[in-house]
Structures are given as structure tokens and as C-alpha cells.
Protein backbone atom coordinates (compact mmCIF):
# COMPACT_ATOMS: atom_id res chain seq x y z
CA UNK A 1 -124.16 48.75 15.79
CA UNK A 2 -124.98 45.26 14.41
CA UNK A 3 -122.58 43.72 11.89
CA UNK A 4 -123.99 42.96 8.45
CA UNK A 5 -122.69 39.85 6.75
CA UNK A 6 -121.72 39.08 3.19
CA UNK A 7 -120.74 35.94 1.33
CA UNK A 8 -119.20 35.02 -2.01
CA UNK A 9 -117.91 32.26 -4.27
CA UNK A 10 -114.42 31.47 -5.53
CA UNK A 11 -113.01 33.48 -8.43
CA UNK A 12 -112.92 30.56 -10.83
CA UNK A 13 -116.59 29.83 -10.12
CA UNK A 14 -117.62 33.23 -11.45
CA UNK A 15 -117.02 31.91 -14.95
CA UNK A 16 -120.12 29.76 -14.56
CA UNK A 17 -122.58 32.47 -13.46
CA UNK A 18 -124.45 32.32 -16.76
CA UNK A 19 -125.16 28.59 -16.42
CA UNK A 20 -127.82 29.01 -13.69
CA UNK A 21 -131.04 30.75 -14.57
CA UNK A 22 -134.12 29.18 -13.01
CA UNK A 23 -132.35 26.01 -11.84
CA UNK A 24 -132.98 24.60 -8.33
CA UNK A 25 -130.86 26.13 -5.57
CA UNK A 26 -129.14 22.81 -4.75
CA UNK A 27 -128.38 21.73 -8.33
CA UNK A 28 -124.82 20.40 -8.74
CA UNK A 29 -122.16 22.09 -10.83
CA UNK A 30 -124.11 25.36 -11.08
CA UNK A 31 -123.16 28.66 -9.51
CA UNK A 32 -124.97 31.93 -9.20
CA UNK A 33 -125.08 35.12 -7.17
CA UNK A 34 -128.36 35.37 -5.26
CA UNK A 35 -130.07 37.56 -2.71
CA UNK A 36 -132.70 36.31 -0.27
CA UNK A 37 -135.91 38.30 -0.52
CA UNK A 38 -136.45 40.48 2.52
CA UNK A 39 -133.03 39.69 4.06
CA UNK A 40 -129.92 41.92 4.05
CA UNK A 41 -127.56 39.01 4.90
CA UNK A 42 -125.01 37.84 2.35
CA UNK A 43 -123.48 34.36 2.20
CA UNK A 44 -121.21 32.09 0.22
CA UNK A 45 -123.21 28.87 -0.08
CA UNK A 46 -121.40 25.65 -0.96
CA UNK A 47 -123.12 22.29 -0.81
CA UNK A 48 -125.36 22.47 2.27
CA UNK A 49 -123.38 25.21 4.05
CA UNK A 50 -123.52 29.02 4.01
CA UNK A 51 -120.53 31.16 5.02
CA UNK A 52 -120.99 34.77 6.14
CA UNK A 53 -119.02 37.48 4.40
CA UNK A 54 -118.28 39.78 7.39
CA UNK A 55 -116.66 42.79 5.66
CA UNK A 56 -117.39 44.55 2.42
CA UNK A 57 -113.60 44.75 1.87
CA UNK A 58 -113.50 40.93 1.74
CA UNK A 59 -116.29 40.84 -0.86
CA UNK A 60 -114.46 43.55 -2.82
CA UNK A 61 -111.21 41.52 -2.82
CA UNK A 62 -113.09 38.83 -4.79
CA UNK A 63 -115.73 40.65 -6.86
CA UNK A 64 -114.91 44.34 -6.80
CA UNK A 65 -117.96 46.55 -6.37
CA UNK A 66 -120.21 44.89 -8.93
CA UNK A 67 -123.57 43.35 -7.94
CA UNK A 68 -124.91 42.99 -11.50
CA UNK A 69 -125.24 39.20 -11.44
CA UNK A 70 -127.27 38.97 -8.22
CA UNK A 71 -130.37 36.72 -8.32
CA UNK A 72 -132.96 36.62 -5.55
CA UNK A 73 -134.02 33.41 -3.80
CA UNK A 74 -136.57 32.88 -1.05
CA UNK A 75 -135.65 33.16 2.60
CA UNK A 76 -136.79 29.56 3.03
CA UNK A 77 -134.29 28.40 0.42
CA UNK A 78 -131.52 30.37 2.16
CA UNK A 79 -132.37 28.99 5.61
CA UNK A 80 -132.04 25.43 4.30
CA UNK A 81 -128.26 25.86 4.39
CA UNK A 82 -126.20 25.38 7.60
CA UNK A 83 -124.28 28.44 8.88
CA UNK A 84 -120.50 27.92 8.65
CA UNK A 85 -117.22 29.88 9.07
CA UNK A 86 -116.58 33.41 7.80
CA UNK A 87 -115.35 33.95 4.26
CA UNK A 88 -111.75 35.24 4.21
CA UNK A 89 -109.84 37.73 2.07
CA UNK A 90 -108.76 36.53 -1.35
CA UNK A 91 -105.20 35.24 -1.76
CA UNK A 92 -102.57 38.02 -2.23
CA UNK A 93 -104.69 40.57 -0.32
CA UNK A 94 -102.72 42.85 2.07
CA UNK A 95 -104.20 43.23 5.54
CA UNK A 96 -103.34 44.49 9.04
CA UNK A 97 -105.28 44.80 12.28
CA UNK A 98 -106.09 48.26 13.53
CA UNK A 99 -104.03 47.89 16.73
CA UNK A 100 -100.79 46.59 15.17
CA UNK A 101 -98.64 48.08 12.37
CA UNK A 102 -97.56 44.68 10.96
CA UNK A 103 -98.67 44.11 7.35
CA UNK A 104 -99.54 40.59 6.17
CA UNK A 105 -100.06 38.97 2.77
CA UNK A 106 -102.89 36.44 2.55
CA UNK A 107 -100.96 33.40 1.31
CA UNK A 108 -103.88 31.08 0.53
CA UNK A 109 -107.64 30.65 0.82
CA UNK A 110 -107.31 28.88 4.19
CA UNK A 111 -106.28 32.19 5.79
CA UNK A 112 -102.55 31.58 6.22
CA UNK A 113 -100.72 34.93 6.56
CA UNK A 114 -97.18 35.90 5.62
CA UNK A 115 -95.72 38.81 7.64
CA UNK A 116 -93.89 41.29 5.37
CA UNK A 117 -91.21 42.33 7.84
CA UNK A 118 -89.75 45.53 6.38
CA UNK A 119 -90.72 48.47 4.22
CA UNK A 120 -87.80 47.57 1.94
CA UNK A 121 -89.24 44.10 1.31
CA UNK A 122 -92.70 45.61 0.76
CA UNK A 123 -91.37 47.97 -1.93
CA UNK A 124 -89.14 45.25 -3.46
CA UNK A 125 -92.26 43.20 -4.22
CA UNK A 126 -93.86 46.16 -5.97
CA UNK A 127 -96.69 46.38 -3.43
CA UNK A 128 -98.72 49.52 -2.73
CA UNK A 129 -99.61 50.94 0.68
CA UNK A 130 -103.01 52.03 -0.64
CA UNK A 131 -104.00 48.36 -1.00
CA UNK A 132 -103.57 47.57 2.72
CA UNK A 133 -106.91 46.93 4.45
CA UNK A 134 -107.42 47.47 8.19
CA UNK A 135 -109.23 44.48 9.69
CA UNK A 136 -111.12 44.86 13.00
CA UNK A 137 -109.45 42.87 15.78
CA UNK A 138 -112.55 40.70 16.19
CA UNK A 139 -112.03 39.06 12.77
CA UNK A 140 -108.25 38.52 12.99
CA UNK A 141 -108.55 35.12 14.78
CA UNK A 142 -110.02 33.79 11.51
CA UNK A 143 -106.45 33.85 10.11
CA UNK A 144 -103.23 31.99 10.96
CA UNK A 145 -99.78 33.66 10.96
CA UNK A 146 -97.45 31.16 9.31
CA UNK A 147 -93.74 30.73 10.26
CA UNK A 148 -91.44 32.84 8.08
CA UNK A 149 -89.65 29.63 7.07
CA UNK A 150 -92.76 28.65 5.10
CA UNK A 151 -91.94 31.40 2.62
CA UNK A 152 -88.15 30.96 2.40
CA UNK A 153 -88.37 29.04 -0.91
CA UNK A 154 -91.14 28.29 -3.39
CA UNK A 155 -91.03 24.65 -2.24
CA UNK A 156 -92.11 25.67 1.24
CA UNK A 157 -95.28 27.39 0.11
CA UNK A 158 -98.48 25.45 0.68
CA UNK A 159 -100.56 24.56 -2.41
CA UNK A 160 -103.81 26.50 -2.81
CA UNK A 161 -106.94 25.06 -1.32
CA UNK A 162 -108.94 22.92 -3.80
CA UNK A 163 -111.91 24.72 -5.32
CA UNK A 164 -115.37 23.60 -4.33
CA UNK A 165 -117.15 21.38 -6.87
CA UNK A 166 -120.63 21.44 -5.34
CA UNK A 167 -123.18 24.13 -5.95
CA UNK A 168 -122.22 27.47 -4.37
CA UNK A 169 -124.98 30.02 -3.90
CA UNK A 170 -124.17 33.59 -3.06
CA UNK A 171 -126.36 36.07 -1.29
CA UNK A 172 -125.16 39.65 -1.77
CA UNK A 173 -126.47 42.78 -0.09
CA UNK A 174 -127.84 45.31 -2.54
CA UNK A 175 -125.73 48.15 -1.15
CA UNK A 176 -122.17 48.14 0.27
CA UNK A 177 -121.68 48.52 4.01
CA UNK A 178 -120.96 52.08 5.16
CA UNK A 179 -117.24 52.82 5.01
CA UNK A 180 -115.83 53.11 8.56
CA UNK A 181 -113.99 56.22 9.68
CA UNK A 182 -110.32 55.50 8.95
CA UNK A 183 -106.84 56.89 8.20
CA UNK A 184 -105.18 56.09 4.86
CA UNK A 185 -102.21 57.02 2.69
CA UNK A 186 -99.73 57.56 5.55
CA UNK A 187 -96.21 58.53 4.43
CA UNK A 188 -93.18 60.33 5.88
CA UNK A 189 -90.99 62.73 3.88
CA UNK A 190 -87.62 63.92 5.19
CA UNK A 191 -85.61 67.09 4.67
CA UNK A 192 -83.26 69.43 6.51
CA UNK A 193 -83.15 73.09 7.42
CA UNK A 194 -80.71 75.51 9.05
CA UNK A 195 -81.10 73.94 12.50
CA UNK A 196 -81.42 70.23 11.74
CA UNK A 197 -83.59 67.55 10.18
CA UNK A 198 -87.36 67.45 9.89
CA UNK A 199 -90.06 64.98 8.93
CA UNK A 200 -93.37 65.74 7.23
CA UNK A 201 -96.26 63.40 8.02
CA UNK A 202 -98.75 63.07 5.15
CA UNK A 203 -102.05 61.20 5.51
CA UNK A 204 -105.78 61.47 4.87
CA UNK A 205 -109.11 60.49 6.40
CA UNK A 206 -112.46 59.71 4.75
CA UNK A 207 -114.24 62.17 7.06
CA UNK A 208 -113.27 65.63 8.32
CA UNK A 209 -111.22 65.24 11.50
CA UNK A 210 -108.59 66.72 13.80
CA UNK A 211 -105.32 64.86 14.32
CA UNK A 212 -102.56 64.36 16.87
CA UNK A 213 -99.17 62.82 16.01
CA UNK A 214 -96.91 61.28 18.67
CA UNK A 215 -93.41 60.19 17.69
CA UNK A 216 -90.46 58.89 19.67
CA UNK A 217 -86.98 57.35 19.36
CA UNK A 218 -87.35 53.85 20.77
CA UNK A 219 -88.99 53.94 24.20
CA UNK A 220 -87.94 57.49 25.06
CA UNK A 221 -90.38 60.24 25.98
CA UNK A 222 -92.49 61.12 22.96
CA UNK A 223 -92.93 64.40 21.14
CA UNK A 224 -96.40 65.48 20.03
CA UNK A 225 -97.65 67.74 17.24
CA UNK A 226 -101.31 68.64 16.78
CA UNK A 227 -103.34 69.47 13.67
CA UNK A 228 -106.27 71.55 14.95
CA UNK A 229 -108.21 72.39 11.78
CA UNK A 230 -110.75 69.77 10.77
CA UNK A 231 -109.74 68.37 7.37
CA UNK A 232 -109.51 65.19 5.30
CA UNK A 233 -105.97 65.76 3.96
CA UNK A 234 -103.09 66.35 6.37
CA UNK A 235 -99.46 67.46 6.05
CA UNK A 236 -97.58 68.26 9.26
CA UNK A 237 -93.86 69.02 9.70
CA UNK A 238 -91.94 68.17 12.89
CA UNK A 239 -88.26 68.30 13.99
CA UNK A 240 -86.29 65.03 14.28
CA UNK A 241 -82.73 63.89 14.98
CA UNK A 242 -80.55 62.97 12.01
CA UNK A 243 -80.38 59.27 11.22
CA UNK A 244 -82.52 58.12 14.18
CA UNK A 245 -85.13 55.33 14.14
CA UNK A 246 -88.58 56.57 15.20
CA UNK A 247 -91.96 55.09 16.06
CA UNK A 248 -95.13 57.13 15.49
CA UNK A 249 -98.84 57.05 16.37
CA UNK A 250 -101.38 59.14 14.44
CA UNK A 251 -104.74 59.65 16.20
CA UNK A 252 -107.67 61.28 14.37
CA UNK A 253 -111.09 62.22 15.76
CA UNK A 254 -114.15 63.04 13.64
CA UNK A 255 -117.05 65.37 14.46
CA UNK A 256 -119.01 62.66 16.27
CA UNK A 257 -116.07 61.67 18.48
CA UNK A 258 -115.07 58.49 16.62
CA UNK A 259 -111.33 57.77 16.77
CA UNK A 260 -109.06 56.13 14.21
CA UNK A 261 -105.33 55.43 14.72
CA UNK A 262 -102.37 54.46 12.56
CA UNK A 263 -98.98 53.15 13.76
CA UNK A 264 -95.64 53.01 11.97
CA UNK A 265 -91.88 53.55 11.99
CA UNK A 266 -89.37 55.63 10.02
CA UNK A 267 -85.68 56.57 10.04
CA UNK A 268 -85.11 60.31 9.98
CA UNK A 269 -83.15 62.14 7.36
CA UNK A 270 -79.38 62.21 6.95
CA UNK A 271 -77.40 62.97 3.79
CA UNK A 272 -74.74 60.33 4.42
CA UNK A 273 -75.02 57.29 6.68
CA UNK A 274 -71.74 55.71 7.79
CA UNK A 275 -71.58 52.18 9.23
CA UNK A 276 -68.56 50.21 10.38
CA UNK A 277 -67.92 46.74 8.95
CA UNK A 278 -67.27 44.48 11.91
CA UNK A 279 -66.47 41.41 9.80
CA UNK A 280 -63.40 42.84 8.04
CA UNK A 281 -60.90 41.45 10.56
CA UNK A 282 -61.10 38.86 13.32
CA UNK A 283 -60.95 39.99 16.94
CA UNK A 284 -57.58 39.53 18.73
CA UNK A 285 -55.73 38.90 15.49
CA UNK A 286 -51.88 38.92 15.71
CA UNK A 287 -50.04 41.68 13.83
CA UNK A 288 -47.25 39.63 12.27
CA UNK A 289 -48.05 40.27 8.60
CA UNK A 290 -46.63 42.79 6.14
CA UNK A 291 -49.93 44.63 5.45
CA UNK A 292 -52.79 44.94 7.89
CA UNK A 293 -56.36 45.68 6.89
CA UNK A 294 -57.43 46.94 10.31
CA UNK A 295 -61.03 47.94 9.61
CA UNK A 296 -63.68 48.84 7.08
CA UNK A 297 -66.79 50.97 6.73
CA UNK A 298 -69.51 51.96 4.27
CA UNK A 299 -70.81 55.42 3.34
CA UNK A 300 -74.31 55.62 1.81
CA UNK A 301 -75.50 58.74 -0.05
CA UNK A 302 -79.23 59.09 0.73
CA UNK A 303 -79.72 62.20 -1.44
CA UNK A 304 -80.51 62.80 -5.10
CA UNK A 305 -77.25 64.69 -5.61
CA UNK A 306 -73.60 63.54 -5.57
CA UNK A 307 -71.62 64.19 -2.40
CA UNK A 308 -67.83 64.72 -2.33
CA UNK A 309 -65.65 63.62 0.59
CA UNK A 310 -63.13 66.33 1.49
CA UNK A 311 -61.51 64.65 4.51
CA UNK A 312 -61.41 61.36 6.42
CA UNK A 313 -60.54 61.68 10.11
CA UNK A 314 -59.53 58.48 11.89
CA UNK A 315 -58.83 57.71 15.53
CA UNK A 316 -56.54 54.89 16.71
CA UNK A 317 -56.49 53.64 20.29
CA UNK A 318 -53.34 51.58 20.74
CA UNK A 319 -50.44 50.72 23.01
CA UNK A 320 -47.61 53.31 22.80
CA UNK A 321 -44.85 50.71 23.10
CA UNK A 322 -46.16 48.92 20.05
CA UNK A 323 -46.78 51.76 17.62
CA UNK A 324 -44.90 54.92 18.56
CA UNK A 325 -41.39 53.80 17.55
CA UNK A 326 -42.39 52.34 14.18
CA UNK A 327 -42.78 54.36 10.99
CA UNK A 328 -46.28 53.68 9.67
CA UNK A 329 -48.04 54.19 6.33
CA UNK A 330 -51.81 54.59 6.74
CA UNK A 331 -54.17 54.25 3.77
CA UNK A 332 -57.89 54.56 3.11
CA UNK A 333 -58.60 52.12 0.28
CA UNK A 334 -61.47 50.80 -1.80
CA UNK A 335 -62.82 47.63 -0.23
CA UNK A 336 -64.01 44.93 -2.62
CA UNK A 337 -67.08 42.81 -2.02
CA UNK A 338 -64.97 39.97 -0.59
CA UNK A 339 -63.19 42.44 1.75
CA UNK A 340 -60.01 42.34 -0.32
CA UNK A 341 -58.08 45.58 -0.75
CA UNK A 342 -58.69 47.65 -3.87
CA UNK A 343 -57.28 50.97 -5.07
CA UNK A 344 -55.84 53.49 -2.61
CA UNK A 345 -58.06 56.55 -2.04
CA UNK A 346 -55.70 58.51 0.26
CA UNK A 347 -52.41 57.76 2.01
CA UNK A 348 -50.41 59.28 4.87
CA UNK A 349 -47.03 58.45 6.47
CA UNK A 350 -46.59 58.74 10.24
CA UNK A 351 -42.92 58.73 11.16
CA UNK A 352 -41.16 56.86 13.94
CA UNK A 353 -41.68 58.48 17.33
CA UNK A 354 -45.07 59.91 16.34
CA UNK A 355 -48.06 58.58 18.25
CA UNK A 356 -51.40 57.68 16.67
CA UNK A 357 -52.91 56.79 19.99
CA UNK A 358 -55.96 58.71 21.06
CA UNK A 359 -58.57 61.39 20.47
CA UNK A 360 -56.03 64.15 21.09
CA UNK A 361 -54.02 63.02 18.06
CA UNK A 362 -56.56 62.32 15.31
CA UNK A 363 -55.21 61.45 11.90
CA UNK A 364 -56.72 63.60 9.11
CA UNK A 365 -56.61 62.57 5.44
CA UNK A 366 -57.55 65.31 2.93
CA UNK A 367 -59.45 63.66 0.08
CA UNK A 368 -61.59 64.23 -3.00
CA UNK A 369 -63.82 61.21 -3.51
CA UNK A 370 -67.33 61.50 -4.95
CA UNK A 371 -70.24 59.33 -3.82
CA UNK A 372 -73.01 59.38 -6.42
CA UNK A 373 -76.68 59.88 -5.58
CA UNK A 374 -77.99 56.74 -3.88
CA UNK A 375 -74.58 55.04 -4.03
CA UNK A 376 -72.96 52.95 -1.30
CA UNK A 377 -69.15 52.93 -1.14
CA UNK A 378 -67.08 50.49 0.91
CA UNK A 379 -63.78 51.68 2.37
CA UNK A 380 -60.99 49.89 4.20
CA UNK A 381 -58.18 51.13 6.48
CA UNK A 382 -54.73 49.68 5.88
CA UNK A 383 -51.61 50.22 8.00
CA UNK A 384 -48.29 49.07 6.61
CA UNK A 385 -45.07 48.31 8.52
CA UNK A 386 -46.81 46.84 11.54
CA UNK A 387 -44.68 43.75 10.96
CA UNK A 388 -41.78 45.82 12.32
CA UNK A 389 -43.35 46.09 15.77
CA UNK A 390 -41.18 44.39 18.40
CA UNK A 391 -43.75 42.04 19.90
CA UNK A 392 -41.32 41.23 22.71
CA UNK A 393 -42.02 44.72 24.08
CA UNK A 394 -45.82 44.39 24.03
CA UNK A 395 -48.13 43.28 26.78
CA UNK A 396 -50.90 40.68 26.41
CA UNK A 397 -53.39 43.48 27.06
CA UNK A 398 -52.04 45.84 24.38
CA UNK A 399 -54.61 46.35 21.61
CA UNK A 400 -54.98 48.38 18.45
CA UNK A 401 -58.49 49.84 17.95
CA UNK A 402 -59.39 52.00 14.90
CA UNK A 403 -62.43 54.31 14.83
CA UNK A 404 -64.09 56.63 12.35
CA UNK A 405 -63.83 60.04 14.03
CA UNK A 406 -65.42 62.10 11.21
CA UNK A 407 -65.92 62.33 7.46
CA UNK A 408 -66.19 65.81 5.97
CA UNK A 409 -68.12 66.54 2.79
CA UNK A 410 -68.26 69.47 0.41
CA UNK A 411 -71.16 71.77 1.24
CA UNK A 412 -73.88 71.45 3.86
CA UNK A 413 -73.95 67.68 4.37
CA UNK A 414 -75.28 65.95 7.48
CA UNK A 415 -73.60 62.66 8.42
CA UNK A 416 -74.96 60.02 10.80
CA UNK A 417 -72.82 57.19 12.17
CA UNK A 418 -73.66 53.72 13.40
CA UNK A 419 -71.36 50.91 14.51
CA UNK A 420 -68.32 53.12 13.89
CA UNK A 421 -66.10 50.80 15.97
CA UNK A 422 -64.21 48.93 13.28
CA UNK A 423 -62.22 46.08 14.82
CA UNK A 424 -59.68 45.07 17.46
CA UNK A 425 -56.16 43.74 16.92
CA UNK A 426 -54.21 42.35 19.87
CA UNK A 427 -50.42 42.49 19.97
CA UNK A 428 -49.34 38.88 20.39
CA UNK A 429 -46.67 36.69 18.94
CA UNK A 430 -48.12 34.36 16.30
């Protein structure tokens, strides 16, 4: 199918549309929208050049869907201009190519693109997924992906391209191009049931179609769900693992066999997500101090309801000669933003001769600590009396390694863990 071309002028030039009525096509400082008689082609004409407008979406990013100011010129007048490069999307447009899920912001009129790396950053800017335009691969080389450092500070951003001062003439097709078969409005909603977590894929197409959804954790074997009934609005539920990062591919096929695809990622549902803080203590740190902060972790409540911790369960891998014969006080504390120790949440004393060594002797701390909806809490683990360890009896290879074994919550709460290894202390003389 042949590609129809469009062209347009800059936004600021539109202010001068009323200045040109029957003026010559090459008159300076005058701008108008025109259509060549007998020709469907559309161009942005500046000076002696005409630039094709390859997609209706590009025209729309500049002028919307209005063609009310179009003026016809002769084909001879149009052909007097030299064909030049394609017109690009207007600055601040959101685009992606159909074979890659990355979303880009058009940073300037020269076609420089800024990659918006995460969904969190996308939402932070107040952007909307419905404004993303799929660009056919063939037109993507018209743009340049700029280094992320260009957008680190306002000073790094390039100034906008200067506006043309010579006469631009625009040729606009009378009717928009047919809208291609495409997927839009893709979202993933997460919930849980009696057996685990589940995700619901929601999306739509502009023509009736059937759909297949493939989803996978990393590069593992994929799972597939099919939507057999031809429709334009889709909602399909599928089982997932709690707290796992997934990739997905949605493939839709219309009645004539045309295919449209959409790619993306999501993290599946979990009520509470627990992550260890690896920067709380330095590796191989000596134990000769009166109080030891031996690790830290965060707990994030992903739900819309408060969740109450009923028990912390900790595991300690350590050398028996160093810890068994010392009475120890173990605390779970609030951890401040600078990793300093705050208030004590729970405390437990482990007497001399009692091991805290391995998975067969987990230390359980009954608690009652509420995490509000959407809240992140930072916790630290403190062990007192480690200064009483006789370092002369320890070996250079003796270490003390704390872990989060489990955190129990009131009610039916699913917890996912990542980086639960907290830190390593080595028994050495300072």
C-alpha cells in the first residue's frame, strides 16, 4: 500500500495564517495552509523546499484534526519547491517504535529523543500512556536518541531549533489517512486469590480482533493465555508469582489477518515487599564496639490497607566460639534516613551458652507494628554485648551473617523478599 505524505508549518507560524490571501506562493514573511489541486500529497514548504509529512499522527501533533485554513494552489506552484526531509513530531510528543517497548519524548524539533527509562519516571512527570504514538520502524531513523546525560540538568538541554523566517507553504490532504490496526490502552492490574497472585491484562484495539498474551519471568519459558472471541476491548486474568518481574507480549489479529503487537513489563502483586539494606554496615567490620548495628531492611506496604507485623524472624550464621558464650541483647529498631539507630521496636535477650547460629535456631520476635497503606518502613538489627567476645578465641575466617528469615503479618498477607542478605561482620582484632 503506498504511503501518503503530509506536511505542516511550525506552531508559531500558525498565528500568521490570516495574512496570506491571494499573495504569491513565494512571498516572504507570509504563511498559509494550501492544497495542490489534483494532488493528495501534503508538504511543509519553507523557502524553496518542501518537506513531506509522512504520518497523520505527526500532522495531528502540530495542528490537531483541523483543516479549516487550507488553501489550494496549482500543482505547478507546488512542484517549484525542492523535496526535502520528512517533518518530525512536535516537541514533547511521546513516541515508540512498534518493535520495541521503549518510550521516548521528542526533546526538540531536530528529532532528538529522550528515553523515559521507567514507568515510575513516566508517572512522575504526569504523562499519559494514551498519548504514546507507535511509529513504524521505517520512520524511526529520522530521529536521534540522545545520551541520558543531556537531560540530567536544565543546562544540558539543547535550545530549540530557530523558527523559519521565510515563507512556509503547507499542503494538507483533505481527509486524514486511514487509522492503522493497532493495540492501545494496555495496563496490568494485580490481585490475589486463595492459591496465589494474579494479573489482569486490559487493552483495546480499533478493530475487532482475537488476542494472545505471552508472559515470562526474565528469559524463562513463557506462559500463554488466549482470548478467542473477536472484540475491541479485552480483559484477561492469568496466574503469576508474587513479587516477580515479568515481560509480556500481546499479539492481536483482525478479521483480514493483520497483526498488531504490544510489549511491556510489570512486577506481579505482593502485599509487602521486603528488601535488605546492604549499605548499613561495611563488609569485614571488626566487632570491638559496644553496640553493633549488624544489618537493616525495608518493608513496603503495596496495598490500600494498613498491615500489622506480628512477628520478625531472624537468622544468624556465625562462629560458635565467638557468640555462644556471650549473653546477647538483640533488637529490631527504627532506622533513620542516615542509618542511625532510632526507637526500639522489639527486643530479646539470648543468654550465655545459647547459640544463635543457624536455620535450626531461628530467633523469633513477637511484635505489633503497623505499616500504613503505601508506607515504607526502615528497620535495623542491633546486637549488644558483642564487645565482650574474646577475639583471641576467634579465627580469621569466623564471620557473623544476619538474614531475614520471615516477617509475619496479621491476616492473609503475602510477602516477597529481595536482597534479604543484610551484611557480614568478621571477627578480628581492631
